């Protein structure tokens, strides 16, 4: 798993730091989601779990996707850059369904409070 920033990496890999910044509930959910991302064969597995609401982003985050960390009631999201079978970043310009297009996630862009 690669991380865009050191801050994102610390939030996703250091439970103590994550709990301090995000709180216990969100932090525990984040670590569960990271574990799921690492063990899933593709984003189709995660998309099947509707709790995470995998969705495409627009505007200055075009080409990225977000997952709700602690379900739809949570305002925290994990912004990801999906990769194809060759672990290359390819833009989904044709608007293909995620299960047909991306195979894995290797870059975590950020953990953010979206609805602050």
Protein backbone atom coordinates (compact mmCIF):
# COMPACT_ATOMS: atom_id res chain seq x y z
CA UNK A 1 0.00 0.00 0.00
CA UNK A 2 1.38 3.40 -0.97
CA UNK A 3 0.41 6.70 0.59
CA UNK A 4 0.38 10.13 -1.02
CA UNK A 5 1.43 11.93 2.18
CA UNK A 6 3.18 11.06 5.43
CA UNK A 7 0.09 12.29 7.30
CA UNK A 8 -2.16 9.82 5.45
CA UNK A 9 0.34 7.03 6.07
CA UNK A 10 0.50 7.77 9.82
CA UNK A 11 -3.29 7.89 10.13
CA UNK A 12 -3.60 4.55 8.32
CA UNK A 13 -0.72 2.70 10.01
CA UNK A 14 -0.30 4.17 13.50
CA UNK A 15 -3.33 3.25 15.62
CA UNK A 16 -2.34 5.51 18.53
CA UNK A 17 -1.97 8.57 16.27
CA UNK A 18 -5.13 7.69 14.39
CA UNK A 19 -7.19 7.40 17.58
CA UNK A 20 -5.81 10.72 18.83
CA UNK A 21 -6.77 12.53 15.59
CA UNK A 22 -9.95 10.72 14.55
CA UNK A 23 -11.33 9.18 17.73
CA UNK A 24 -11.58 5.52 18.63
CA UNK A 25 -14.66 4.63 16.59
CA UNK A 26 -13.53 6.19 13.30
CA UNK A 27 -9.96 4.99 13.78
CA UNK A 28 -11.02 1.40 14.39
CA UNK A 29 -13.29 1.55 11.33
CA UNK A 30 -10.42 3.00 9.25
CA UNK A 31 -8.08 0.18 10.26
CA UNK A 32 -10.79 -2.35 9.39
CA UNK A 33 -11.23 -0.73 5.97
CA UNK A 34 -7.46 -0.67 5.33
CA UNK A 35 -7.32 -4.37 6.23
CA UNK A 36 -10.20 -5.06 3.86
CA UNK A 37 -8.46 -3.15 1.05
CA UNK A 38 -5.26 -5.13 1.60
CA UNK A 39 -6.96 -8.52 1.62
CA UNK A 40 -9.57 -8.05 -1.12
CA UNK A 41 -8.91 -9.34 -4.60
CA UNK A 42 -10.50 -6.30 -6.21
CA UNK A 43 -12.62 -3.26 -5.50
CA UNK A 44 -15.61 -5.35 -6.50
CA UNK A 45 -15.33 -7.06 -3.11
CA UNK A 46 -15.47 -3.71 -1.32
CA UNK A 47 -18.18 -2.34 -3.60
CA UNK A 48 -20.34 -5.34 -2.65
CA UNK A 49 -20.26 -4.10 0.95
CA UNK A 50 -22.55 -1.12 0.49
CA UNK A 51 -21.64 0.28 3.91
CA UNK A 52 -18.51 1.89 2.43
CA UNK A 53 -20.38 3.59 -0.45
CA UNK A 54 -17.57 3.44 -3.00
CA UNK A 55 -18.09 6.48 -5.23
CA UNK A 56 -16.33 8.44 -7.93
CA UNK A 57 -15.17 11.97 -7.14
CA UNK A 58 -15.47 15.00 -9.40
CA UNK A 59 -13.92 18.44 -9.71
CA UNK A 60 -10.31 18.75 -8.58
CA UNK A 61 -10.47 15.13 -7.32
CA UNK A 62 -11.57 13.72 -10.69
CA UNK A 63 -10.16 10.24 -11.26
CA UNK A 64 -10.19 9.42 -7.56
CA UNK A 65 -12.70 7.47 -5.52
CA UNK A 66 -13.87 7.74 -1.94
CA UNK A 67 -15.01 5.21 0.63
CA UNK A 68 -17.05 6.17 3.69
CA UNK A 69 -14.90 5.03 6.60
CA UNK A 70 -17.57 4.36 9.20
CA UNK A 71 -20.64 3.95 7.05
CA UNK A 72 -22.87 6.59 5.54
CA UNK A 73 -23.54 8.27 8.88
CA UNK A 74 -19.84 9.10 9.28
CA UNK A 75 -18.41 12.25 7.80
CA UNK A 76 -14.95 10.70 7.34
CA UNK A 77 -13.85 9.27 4.02
CA UNK A 78 -10.83 7.55 2.57
CA UNK A 79 -9.81 8.95 -0.82
CA UNK A 80 -8.14 6.33 -3.01
CA UNK A 81 -6.51 5.97 -6.42
CA UNK A 82 -7.49 2.61 -7.91
CA UNK A 83 -5.14 0.72 -10.21
CA UNK A 84 -5.67 -1.66 -13.12
CA UNK A 85 -4.40 -5.25 -13.44
CA UNK A 86 -0.92 -3.98 -14.29
CA UNK A 87 -0.86 -1.70 -11.22
CA UNK A 88 -1.03 1.37 -13.44
CA UNK A 89 -3.12 4.45 -12.77
CA UNK A 90 -5.64 4.75 -15.57
CA UNK A 91 -8.37 7.33 -15.68
CA UNK A 92 -11.89 5.92 -15.92
CA UNK A 93 -12.95 8.34 -18.65
CA UNK A 94 -15.47 5.93 -20.13
CA UNK A 95 -17.27 5.83 -16.78
CA UNK A 96 -17.05 2.05 -16.58
CA UNK A 97 -18.41 0.28 -13.54
CA UNK A 98 -15.75 -0.10 -10.87
CA UNK A 99 -15.95 -3.91 -10.89
CA UNK A 100 -15.19 -4.01 -14.61
CA UNK A 101 -12.34 -1.58 -14.53
CA UNK A 102 -10.17 -1.55 -11.42
CA UNK A 103 -8.52 -4.47 -9.73
CA UNK A 104 -6.72 -3.02 -6.72
CA UNK A 105 -5.91 0.01 -4.65
CA UNK A 106 -2.32 0.87 -4.03
CA UNK A 107 -2.39 4.58 -3.29
CA UNK A 108 -4.16 6.19 -0.38
CA UNK A 109 -4.53 9.90 -1.09
CA UNK A 110 -6.06 11.15 2.15
CA UNK A 111 -8.27 10.60 5.12
CA UNK A 112 -10.55 13.57 5.49
CA UNK A 113 -13.63 14.84 7.23
CA UNK A 114 -15.81 15.52 4.23
CA UNK A 115 -18.90 17.02 5.83
CA UNK A 116 -17.33 19.25 8.44
